[in-house]
Amino acid sequence: MTVITEVPSPFCGIGTDDLIIRVDGVSLKVIENGCAVNTPAFEQAITDTSPRVDGKEVSLGIAVAKAAALLKDTNQPVIGGCATDVNGMRALLALADRCGAVVDNMNFTGARNNFLAMQDTGWMNTTLAEVKNRCDLLLVVGTDLEAFAPRFFEHYLWNKESMFLDNTGNRQVIYLGKAPSGNASTSPNGQKAKILECATEDLPDVIAVLRALVKDQPIRAASVCGIAVADLQAIATSLKAAKYSVVTWSAGALTYSQAELTVQTLSEMIKDINNQNTRCSGLPLAGKEGDQTANQVCGWTTGYPARTRFSRGYPEYDPYLNDTRFLLDNNEADALVWVQAFNVNAVPPVTNLPTIVIGRSGMTFEKEPDVLIPVGTPGIDHAGHAYRMDNVVAIRLQKLRDSGLPSTAHVMNAIEQALQER
C-alpha cells in the first residue's frame, strides 16, 4: 500500500493537481482533495481485464486481429468517443487515416457551438491562470459551474494569493440563467453570488438584451423572460466597471437550436466591453471526456477539429455531416469503433453495425460489442498528457498502479499494424 500526493486529474477539466490517493494493489482511494467528479472517477473498480470477441474472453492478439478483420473491407467506419490522451488520439488518427474512417469526439455537438462562433467572428478568451490572478467579476451564463467543476471556485476564485488582487474574497460572482447547486460560489467573507434565473431556451433573448445594455442601447421593455431589465442593467454596469471581468459558459449546456448564436453574442459583448477602457475575457467550459485533447491533436495533425473524415484519402471537416449519430441513423457508416478510456458510463450507441469498443474496464452494454478491449485509464494505469479546459496547458498524467491493462495508443497502433499486414 502506498500514498501518492500531488496527483493530477484528467477528469474535471480544470487541471486539479493536488489529489492525495492511496493505492492498494489495483484499488484506489482518494483520501484528500477529492470532489464529486474526481473521486468516483479515480475509485472506479476494475471488473474485466481480458478482451472479448463475440462475448468470449480471448487474448489481446486475437482481439486485435478480429478488429482489423472487421475494419479491413469497410468503406466508411466511424471512430467515435475519442476519449483518450494525446498519444491515444495520435494513434486513433493514424488508424482513421489507414482505414478511411470518420473521427468524432462524443462532446463535439456541444463544442460545435463554440467552433462556429470562433470561426465566424473570433473571440477573446482567457486562461485559468489569468482568472486566478486578475478576475474581479465572474459572470456564469447558463450552467451550474459548481456541478461542472466542483473545485473551480476553491482553486481559481477564492485562492488566498493573487498577483494583481489584494483580497480575492471581494470578487463578485453572478449567475445568469441557471442557479448554482451548492454554496461554492459564496466568498470566504460570506458574500453570496447574485442569481438571475431563466429557462435555458430563453438565454438568447436575455443575452441579446444584456449586450444591448452594455452598448448603451435603449430597451423599452421592463423585463425579458422574467428578468427585470433593471437587473440586467446592473450586470452591464458591473461588467463595464470591473477591471478584469470574465464571462464563462458551457456550450454543451446550451441545448437548443442555433446555440452558436448565443456564444457569438457573448463573444461580441466581450469585445464591446474591451472597447470601453476595461478588460473582459471569455472562458468556455470543457476538458472532459478528452474533448479538448481530441480537438487539439486533430487540429495540429489535420488542421481541423475532431469531426473529420478520411474516407477520400485526406481529411475533410464537417461539423454536421460527420456526426456519429447522424451517420449511424442514415446508414452512412459500415462499422463503429468506440474509444472511451475515462468513463465507464459513456457507452457506444446501440447499432447493428460491427462494433469495436476500446474502453475503460467496467463498461456494461445493452448489446455486447463484436470486439471489446479493456484499456488502461490515462493518469491511473499509465502516464500521458491531456489538455485542460483553457487549452494552454497539457496536464502531465502519471501512472498510479500496475493493472496490466494496455494503453489506448498501444491497442490502436496494434490494430493499424494488423491492417497494414493484411
Protein backbone atom coordinates (compact mmCIF):
# COMPACT_ATOMS: atom_id res chain seq x y z
CA MET A 1 0.00 0.00 0.00
CA THR A 2 1.32 3.42 -0.97
CA VAL A 3 0.09 7.00 -0.77
CA ILE A 4 0.74 9.27 -3.77
CA THR A 5 0.49 13.04 -3.43
CA GLU A 6 0.07 15.83 -5.98
CA VAL A 7 -1.89 13.61 -8.34
CA PRO A 8 -3.23 15.43 -11.44
CA SER A 9 -6.71 14.65 -12.75
CA PRO A 10 -7.84 14.19 -16.37
CA PHE A 11 -11.50 14.09 -15.31
CA CYS A 12 -12.55 17.53 -14.01
CA GLY A 13 -11.41 19.77 -16.87
CA ILE A 14 -9.70 22.36 -14.67
CA GLY A 15 -6.39 20.61 -14.15
CA THR A 16 -6.74 19.75 -10.46
CA ASP A 17 -3.29 18.51 -9.43
CA ASP A 18 -3.31 18.19 -5.64
CA LEU A 19 -5.17 14.93 -5.06
CA ILE A 20 -3.80 12.51 -2.47
CA ILE A 21 -4.56 8.92 -3.37
CA ARG A 22 -3.96 5.65 -1.55
CA VAL A 23 -3.03 2.76 -3.82
CA ASP A 24 -3.67 -0.78 -2.58
CA GLY A 25 -2.91 -3.21 -5.38
CA VAL A 26 -5.29 -2.13 -8.15
CA SER A 27 -7.68 -0.36 -5.77
CA LEU A 28 -7.53 3.43 -5.44
CA LYS A 29 -8.92 5.61 -2.67
CA VAL A 30 -8.96 9.42 -2.83
CA ILE A 31 -8.14 10.41 0.74
CA GLU A 32 -7.73 14.17 0.30
CA ASN A 33 -8.91 16.90 -2.09
CA GLY A 34 -11.42 14.76 -3.93
CA CYS A 35 -14.71 16.02 -5.34
CA ALA A 36 -17.95 14.73 -6.81
CA VAL A 37 -16.29 14.43 -10.23
CA ASN A 38 -12.79 13.20 -9.44
CA THR A 39 -13.39 10.80 -6.55
CA PRO A 40 -15.71 8.31 -8.31
CA ALA A 41 -13.63 8.52 -11.49
CA PHE A 42 -10.42 7.54 -9.69
CA GLU A 43 -12.08 4.94 -7.47
CA GLN A 44 -13.88 3.10 -10.31
CA ALA A 45 -13.11 -0.59 -9.82
CA ILE A 46 -11.54 -2.84 -12.44
CA THR A 47 -14.05 -5.55 -13.33
CA ASP A 48 -12.68 -7.00 -16.56
CA THR A 49 -9.16 -7.19 -17.87
CA SER A 50 -9.44 -9.67 -20.74
CA PRO A 51 -10.53 -8.72 -24.27
CA ARG A 52 -13.69 -10.37 -25.59
CA VAL A 53 -14.75 -11.39 -29.09
CA ASP A 54 -18.42 -12.23 -29.51
CA GLY A 55 -18.70 -12.25 -25.71
CA LYS A 56 -15.92 -14.79 -25.16
CA GLU A 57 -12.61 -13.98 -23.48
CA VAL A 58 -9.62 -14.07 -25.82
CA SER A 59 -6.05 -12.86 -25.91
CA LEU A 60 -5.20 -9.30 -26.90
CA GLY A 61 -3.64 -10.57 -30.13
CA ILE A 62 -6.82 -12.38 -31.18
CA ALA A 63 -8.97 -9.34 -30.34
CA VAL A 64 -6.70 -7.06 -32.35
CA ALA A 65 -6.79 -9.45 -35.31
CA LYS A 66 -10.58 -9.61 -35.17
CA ALA A 67 -10.85 -5.81 -35.01
CA ALA A 68 -8.57 -5.49 -38.03
CA ALA A 69 -10.64 -8.08 -39.92
CA LEU A 70 -13.85 -6.13 -39.23
CA LEU A 71 -12.27 -2.91 -40.47
CA LYS A 72 -10.40 -4.35 -43.46
CA ASP A 73 -13.08 -4.04 -46.15
CA THR A 74 -15.08 -1.13 -44.74
CA ASN A 75 -15.75 1.98 -46.83
CA GLN A 76 -16.53 4.44 -44.06
CA PRO A 77 -16.18 3.27 -40.46
CA VAL A 78 -16.77 5.73 -37.63
CA ILE A 79 -14.36 6.14 -34.73
CA GLY A 80 -16.48 7.75 -32.02
CA GLY A 81 -15.97 8.69 -28.41
CA CYS A 82 -12.34 9.76 -28.89
CA ALA A 83 -11.95 9.96 -25.11
CA THR A 84 -8.27 9.33 -24.58
CA ASP A 85 -4.95 11.09 -24.01
CA VAL A 86 -2.59 12.74 -26.50
CA ASN A 87 -0.80 9.54 -27.56
CA GLY A 88 -4.09 7.67 -27.77
CA MET A 89 -5.54 10.34 -30.05
CA ARG A 90 -2.45 10.31 -32.24
CA ALA A 91 -2.79 6.55 -32.69
CA LEU A 92 -6.54 6.92 -33.30
CA LEU A 93 -5.94 9.39 -36.13
CA ALA A 94 -3.33 7.12 -37.67
CA LEU A 95 -5.85 4.25 -37.68
CA ALA A 96 -8.54 6.54 -39.12
CA ASP A 97 -6.19 7.54 -41.92
CA ARG A 98 -5.37 3.89 -42.57
CA CYS A 99 -8.99 2.69 -42.87
CA GLY A 100 -10.68 5.89 -44.13
CA ALA A 101 -12.74 6.48 -41.01
CA VAL A 102 -14.73 9.39 -39.67
CA VAL A 103 -13.37 10.73 -36.37
CA ASP A 104 -15.92 12.25 -33.97
CA ASN A 105 -15.45 13.21 -30.32
CA MET A 106 -18.51 12.42 -28.19
CA ASN A 107 -18.79 16.02 -26.89
CA PHE A 108 -18.44 17.71 -30.27
CA THR A 109 -22.12 18.59 -30.73
CA GLY A 110 -21.80 20.98 -27.79
CA ALA A 111 -18.31 22.15 -28.74
CA ARG A 112 -19.63 22.93 -32.23
CA ASN A 113 -21.44 25.93 -30.73
CA ASN A 114 -18.04 27.34 -29.78
CA PHE A 115 -16.26 26.45 -33.00
CA LEU A 116 -18.91 28.03 -35.24
CA ALA A 117 -18.77 31.29 -33.30
CA MET A 118 -14.97 31.31 -33.20
CA GLN A 119 -14.66 30.60 -36.93
CA ASP A 120 -17.21 33.24 -37.88
CA THR A 121 -16.21 36.31 -35.87
CA GLY A 122 -13.49 35.18 -33.45
CA TRP A 123 -13.39 35.64 -29.69
CA MET A 124 -11.29 36.98 -26.82
CA ASN A 125 -10.75 34.26 -24.23
CA THR A 126 -8.58 33.88 -21.17
CA THR A 127 -6.78 31.17 -19.20
CA LEU A 128 -7.32 29.70 -15.76
CA ALA A 129 -4.14 31.41 -14.54
CA GLU A 130 -5.49 34.79 -15.63
CA VAL A 131 -8.77 34.10 -13.84
CA LYS A 132 -6.85 33.20 -10.70
CA ASN A 133 -4.69 36.32 -10.76
CA ARG A 134 -6.86 39.03 -12.34
CA CYS A 135 -10.60 38.31 -12.39
CA ASP A 136 -12.65 40.61 -10.14
CA LEU A 137 -16.08 39.75 -11.60
CA LEU A 138 -17.22 36.35 -12.88
CA LEU A 139 -20.41 36.06 -14.92
CA VAL A 140 -21.60 32.45 -15.26
CA VAL A 141 -24.05 32.00 -18.14
CA GLY A 142 -26.48 29.12 -18.50
CA THR A 143 -24.63 26.48 -16.49
CA ASP A 144 -24.06 25.21 -12.98
CA LEU A 145 -20.32 25.82 -12.75
CA GLU A 146 -20.10 24.14 -9.36
CA ALA A 147 -21.58 20.91 -10.72
CA PHE A 148 -19.31 21.04 -13.77
CA ALA A 149 -16.11 21.53 -11.77
CA PRO A 150 -16.75 21.35 -8.01
CA ARG A 151 -13.36 22.83 -7.07
CA PHE A 152 -13.30 25.67 -9.60
CA PHE A 153 -14.08 28.35 -7.04
CA GLU A 154 -11.65 26.95 -4.49
CA HIS A 155 -8.80 26.87 -6.99
CA TYR A 156 -9.38 29.88 -9.19
CA LEU A 157 -11.58 32.40 -7.40
CA TRP A 158 -11.16 32.08 -3.64
CA ASN A 159 -7.42 31.36 -3.79
CA LYS A 160 -5.59 33.09 -0.96
CA GLU A 161 -2.85 34.61 -3.11
CA SER A 162 -3.25 36.56 -6.34
CA MET A 163 -0.73 38.54 -8.37
CA PHE A 164 -2.98 41.53 -9.04
CA LEU A 165 -5.71 41.48 -6.36
CA ASP A 166 -5.27 42.44 -2.73
CA ASN A 167 -8.28 40.47 -1.49
CA THR A 168 -9.76 37.68 -3.64
CA GLY A 169 -12.72 37.45 -1.25
CA ASN A 170 -14.05 40.68 -2.74
CA ARG A 171 -14.58 39.14 -6.14
CA GLN A 172 -18.14 39.32 -7.44
CA VAL A 173 -19.97 36.28 -8.87
CA ILE A 174 -23.15 36.49 -10.95
CA TYR A 175 -25.17 33.55 -12.25
CA LEU A 176 -27.37 34.25 -15.27
CA GLY A 177 -29.79 31.56 -16.40
CA LYS A 178 -29.19 28.65 -14.04
CA ALA A 179 -28.73 28.76 -10.26
CA PRO A 180 -25.76 27.02 -8.62
CA SER A 181 -26.36 23.67 -6.94
CA GLY A 182 -24.33 24.49 -3.83
CA ASN A 183 -22.51 27.22 -1.96
CA ALA A 184 -19.05 27.05 -3.54
CA SER A 185 -19.64 30.43 -5.18
CA THR A 186 -20.09 32.10 -1.78
CA SER A 187 -16.95 34.10 -0.99
CA PRO A 188 -14.80 33.46 2.12
CA ASN A 189 -16.27 36.63 3.67
CA GLY A 190 -19.82 35.34 3.18
CA GLN A 191 -20.86 37.27 0.08
CA LYS A 192 -23.25 35.13 -1.96
CA ALA A 193 -23.46 35.07 -5.74
CA LYS A 194 -26.11 37.18 -7.42
CA ILE A 195 -28.53 34.88 -9.25
CA LEU A 196 -30.86 35.81 -12.12
CA GLU A 197 -32.70 32.70 -13.26
CA CYS A 198 -34.38 32.00 -16.58
CA ALA A 199 -35.09 28.96 -18.73
CA THR A 200 -32.19 27.76 -20.85
CA GLU A 201 -34.13 28.33 -24.07
CA ASP A 202 -34.69 31.97 -23.03
CA LEU A 203 -30.98 32.74 -22.89
CA PRO A 204 -30.77 34.08 -26.49
CA ASP A 205 -33.24 36.86 -25.65
CA VAL A 206 -31.69 37.61 -22.28
CA ILE A 207 -28.12 37.74 -23.63
CA ALA A 208 -29.21 39.92 -26.56
CA VAL A 209 -30.71 42.46 -24.16
CA LEU A 210 -27.64 42.34 -21.92
CA ARG A 211 -25.37 43.06 -24.89
CA ALA A 212 -27.60 45.97 -25.94
CA LEU A 213 -27.32 47.42 -22.43
CA VAL A 214 -23.53 47.04 -22.49
CA LYS A 215 -23.59 49.13 -25.69
CA ASP A 216 -25.87 51.72 -24.02
CA GLN A 217 -28.75 50.95 -26.37
CA PRO A 218 -32.24 51.81 -25.08
CA ILE A 219 -34.53 48.95 -24.01
CA ARG A 220 -38.22 49.80 -23.82
CA ALA A 221 -39.38 46.59 -22.12
CA ALA A 222 -39.38 46.40 -18.32
CA SER A 223 -38.47 42.71 -18.26
CA VAL A 224 -37.26 39.95 -20.54
CA CYS A 225 -38.11 36.28 -19.93
CA GLY A 226 -38.92 37.00 -16.31
CA ILE A 227 -35.77 39.02 -15.57
CA ALA A 228 -36.11 42.73 -14.89
CA VAL A 229 -34.23 44.86 -17.39
CA ALA A 230 -33.05 46.93 -14.43
CA ASP A 231 -31.26 43.84 -13.07
CA LEU A 232 -29.63 43.23 -16.43
CA GLN A 233 -28.60 46.89 -16.48
CA ALA A 234 -26.90 46.36 -13.13
CA ILE A 235 -24.91 43.47 -14.63
CA ALA A 236 -23.94 45.57 -17.66
CA THR A 237 -22.81 48.39 -15.37
CA SER A 238 -20.78 45.98 -13.24
CA LEU A 239 -19.10 44.44 -16.29
CA LYS A 240 -18.03 47.86 -17.54
CA ALA A 241 -16.86 48.94 -14.09
CA ALA A 242 -14.78 45.83 -13.40
CA LYS A 243 -11.04 45.88 -14.02
CA TYR A 244 -10.98 42.33 -15.41
CA SER A 245 -14.32 40.60 -15.81
CA VAL A 246 -14.68 37.02 -17.08
CA VAL A 247 -17.73 35.53 -18.80
CA THR A 248 -17.96 31.74 -18.69
CA TRP A 249 -20.37 29.29 -20.32
CA SER A 250 -20.69 25.63 -21.23
CA ALA A 251 -21.52 25.18 -24.90
CA GLY A 252 -22.86 21.70 -24.21
CA ALA A 253 -25.42 23.13 -21.75
CA LEU A 254 -26.94 25.36 -24.44
CA THR A 255 -29.37 22.68 -25.56
CA TYR A 256 -31.40 24.49 -28.20
CA SER A 257 -31.21 25.09 -31.93
CA GLN A 258 -28.56 27.50 -33.23
CA ALA A 259 -27.00 27.91 -29.80
CA GLU A 260 -23.81 29.03 -31.54
CA LEU A 261 -25.53 32.42 -31.99
CA THR A 262 -25.69 32.77 -28.20
CA VAL A 263 -21.96 32.05 -27.96
CA GLN A 264 -21.37 34.59 -30.70
CA THR A 265 -23.46 37.22 -28.89
CA LEU A 266 -21.49 36.63 -25.70
CA SER A 267 -18.19 36.81 -27.60
CA GLU A 268 -19.20 40.05 -29.31
CA MET A 269 -20.34 41.50 -25.97
CA ILE A 270 -16.92 40.73 -24.55
CA LYS A 271 -15.34 42.67 -27.42
CA ASP A 272 -17.74 45.56 -26.75
CA ILE A 273 -16.63 45.71 -23.12
CA ASN A 274 -12.97 45.70 -24.14
CA ASN A 275 -13.67 48.80 -26.24
CA GLN A 276 -14.70 50.71 -23.12
CA ASN A 277 -11.38 51.16 -21.29
CA THR A 278 -11.53 47.94 -19.30
CA ARG A 279 -10.73 44.25 -19.71
CA CYS A 280 -13.11 41.35 -20.24
CA SER A 281 -12.48 37.79 -21.42
CA GLY A 282 -14.41 34.62 -22.14
CA LEU A 283 -13.83 31.22 -20.56
CA PRO A 284 -15.58 28.31 -22.33
CA LEU A 285 -16.02 25.29 -20.05
CA ALA A 286 -14.73 21.99 -21.44
CA GLY A 287 -11.92 19.50 -20.88
CA LYS A 288 -13.95 16.40 -20.03
CA GLU A 289 -14.06 13.06 -21.86
CA GLY A 290 -10.85 14.05 -23.63
CA ASP A 291 -12.68 16.62 -25.77
CA GLN A 292 -10.01 19.33 -25.65
CA THR A 293 -7.30 16.73 -26.19
CA ALA A 294 -9.12 15.25 -29.19
CA ASN A 295 -9.58 18.63 -30.84
CA GLN A 296 -6.03 19.77 -30.08
CA VAL A 297 -4.38 16.65 -31.53
CA CYS A 298 -6.72 16.52 -34.51
CA GLY A 299 -6.11 20.24 -35.05
CA TRP A 300 -2.33 20.08 -35.19
CA THR A 301 -2.43 16.85 -37.21
CA THR A 302 -5.04 17.76 -39.84
CA GLY A 303 -5.81 21.46 -39.37
CA TYR A 304 -9.39 20.61 -38.31
CA PRO A 305 -11.23 19.74 -35.07
CA ALA A 306 -12.25 16.20 -34.25
CA ARG A 307 -15.25 15.78 -36.52
CA THR A 308 -13.23 14.90 -39.59
CA ARG A 309 -13.42 12.12 -42.17
CA PHE A 310 -10.57 10.38 -44.02
CA SER A 311 -12.59 8.28 -46.49
CA ARG A 312 -11.26 10.16 -49.54
CA GLY A 313 -7.65 9.78 -48.52
CA TYR A 314 -7.36 13.25 -46.99
CA PRO A 315 -9.05 14.97 -44.02
CA GLU A 316 -12.46 16.60 -44.59
CA TYR A 317 -14.08 18.57 -41.78
CA ASP A 318 -17.85 18.91 -41.46
CA PRO A 319 -19.37 19.77 -38.05
CA TYR A 320 -22.79 18.39 -39.08
CA LEU A 321 -22.40 15.57 -41.58
CA ASN A 322 -19.56 13.86 -39.70
CA ASP A 323 -21.71 13.37 -36.59
CA THR A 324 -21.60 9.77 -35.33
CA ARG A 325 -25.32 9.69 -34.58
CA PHE A 326 -26.20 11.20 -37.97
CA LEU A 327 -24.04 8.69 -39.85
CA LEU A 328 -25.48 5.73 -37.95
CA ASP A 329 -29.09 6.87 -38.31
CA ASN A 330 -28.68 7.44 -42.06
CA ASN A 331 -26.85 4.18 -42.74
CA GLU A 332 -23.76 6.01 -43.98
CA ALA A 333 -21.32 4.06 -41.83
CA ASP A 334 -20.37 0.40 -42.06
CA ALA A 335 -18.57 -0.11 -38.72
CA LEU A 336 -18.26 1.61 -35.36
CA VAL A 337 -15.13 1.89 -33.23
CA TRP A 338 -15.83 3.42 -29.82
CA VAL A 339 -12.90 4.77 -27.79
CA GLN A 340 -13.59 5.74 -24.19
CA ALA A 341 -10.75 5.40 -21.69
CA PHE A 342 -12.22 7.65 -18.97
CA ASN A 343 -15.89 6.99 -18.31
CA VAL A 344 -17.49 3.55 -17.96
CA ASN A 345 -20.96 5.05 -18.34
CA ALA A 346 -20.25 6.60 -21.75
CA VAL A 347 -21.03 3.51 -23.81
CA PRO A 348 -21.43 3.45 -27.59
CA PRO A 349 -24.80 3.95 -29.27
CA VAL A 350 -26.61 0.71 -29.99
CA THR A 351 -26.24 -0.30 -33.62
CA ASN A 352 -26.41 -3.40 -35.80
CA LEU A 353 -23.08 -2.48 -37.39
CA PRO A 354 -19.91 -4.33 -36.47
CA THR A 355 -18.82 -2.66 -33.24
CA ILE A 356 -15.38 -2.48 -31.64
CA VAL A 357 -15.10 -0.97 -28.15
CA ILE A 358 -11.76 0.13 -26.78
CA GLY A 359 -12.83 1.28 -23.35
CA ARG A 360 -12.23 1.58 -19.67
CA SER A 361 -12.63 -1.58 -17.64
CA GLY A 362 -16.08 -1.81 -16.09
CA MET A 363 -18.30 -0.94 -19.04
CA THR A 364 -21.63 -2.73 -19.37
CA PHE A 365 -23.56 -2.85 -22.62
CA GLU A 366 -27.14 -3.17 -23.77
CA LYS A 367 -25.72 -5.11 -26.69
CA GLU A 368 -22.37 -6.88 -26.46
CA PRO A 369 -19.89 -5.44 -29.00
CA ASP A 370 -18.25 -7.72 -31.53
CA VAL A 371 -14.88 -6.85 -30.01
CA LEU A 372 -14.20 -5.42 -26.54
CA ILE A 373 -10.69 -4.47 -25.49
CA PRO A 374 -10.42 -3.04 -21.96
CA VAL A 375 -7.69 -0.41 -21.76
CA GLY A 376 -5.98 1.49 -19.00
CA THR A 377 -7.06 4.96 -17.99
CA PRO A 378 -4.55 7.78 -18.57
CA GLY A 379 -3.46 9.20 -15.24
CA ILE A 380 -4.22 5.93 -13.44
CA ASP A 381 -2.91 2.92 -15.36
CA HIS A 382 -0.31 4.69 -17.48
CA ALA A 383 1.34 8.08 -17.88
CA GLY A 384 0.22 10.51 -20.53
CA HIS A 385 -0.91 14.04 -21.35
CA ALA A 386 -4.37 15.62 -21.52
CA TYR A 387 -5.44 19.19 -22.20
CA ARG A 388 -7.44 21.10 -19.60
CA MET A 389 -10.33 23.41 -20.46
CA ASP A 390 -8.36 26.53 -21.40
CA ASN A 391 -6.30 24.60 -24.00
CA VAL A 392 -2.98 26.18 -22.96
CA VAL A 393 -1.74 23.50 -20.56
CA ALA A 394 -1.20 19.81 -21.29
CA ILE A 395 -1.54 18.11 -17.91
CA ARG A 396 1.22 15.57 -17.26
CA LEU A 397 -0.61 12.48 -16.08
CA GLN A 398 1.18 9.87 -14.01
CA LYS A 399 0.86 6.12 -13.56
CA LEU A 400 -0.57 5.14 -10.18
CA ARG A 401 -0.84 1.35 -10.35
CA ASP A 402 0.11 -1.77 -12.32
CA SER A 403 -3.15 -3.11 -13.69
CA GLY A 404 -1.74 -4.90 -16.70
CA LEU A 405 -4.15 -3.07 -18.98
CA PRO A 406 -2.73 -1.77 -22.27
CA SER A 407 -3.00 1.89 -23.23
CA THR A 408 -5.36 3.10 -25.95
CA ALA A 409 -2.35 4.07 -28.05
CA HIS A 410 -0.92 0.54 -27.79
CA VAL A 411 -4.18 -1.04 -28.92
CA MET A 412 -4.85 1.42 -31.76
CA ASN A 413 -1.30 1.06 -33.05
CA ALA A 414 -1.64 -2.72 -32.96
CA ILE A 415 -4.88 -2.63 -34.97
CA GLU A 416 -3.32 -0.31 -37.53
CA GLN A 417 -0.30 -2.58 -37.83
CA ALA A 418 -2.57 -5.59 -38.30
CA LEU A 419 -4.47 -3.76 -41.06
CA GLN A 420 -1.21 -2.89 -42.77
CA GLU A 421 -0.17 -6.54 -42.78
CA ARG A 422 -3.44 -7.82 -44.25
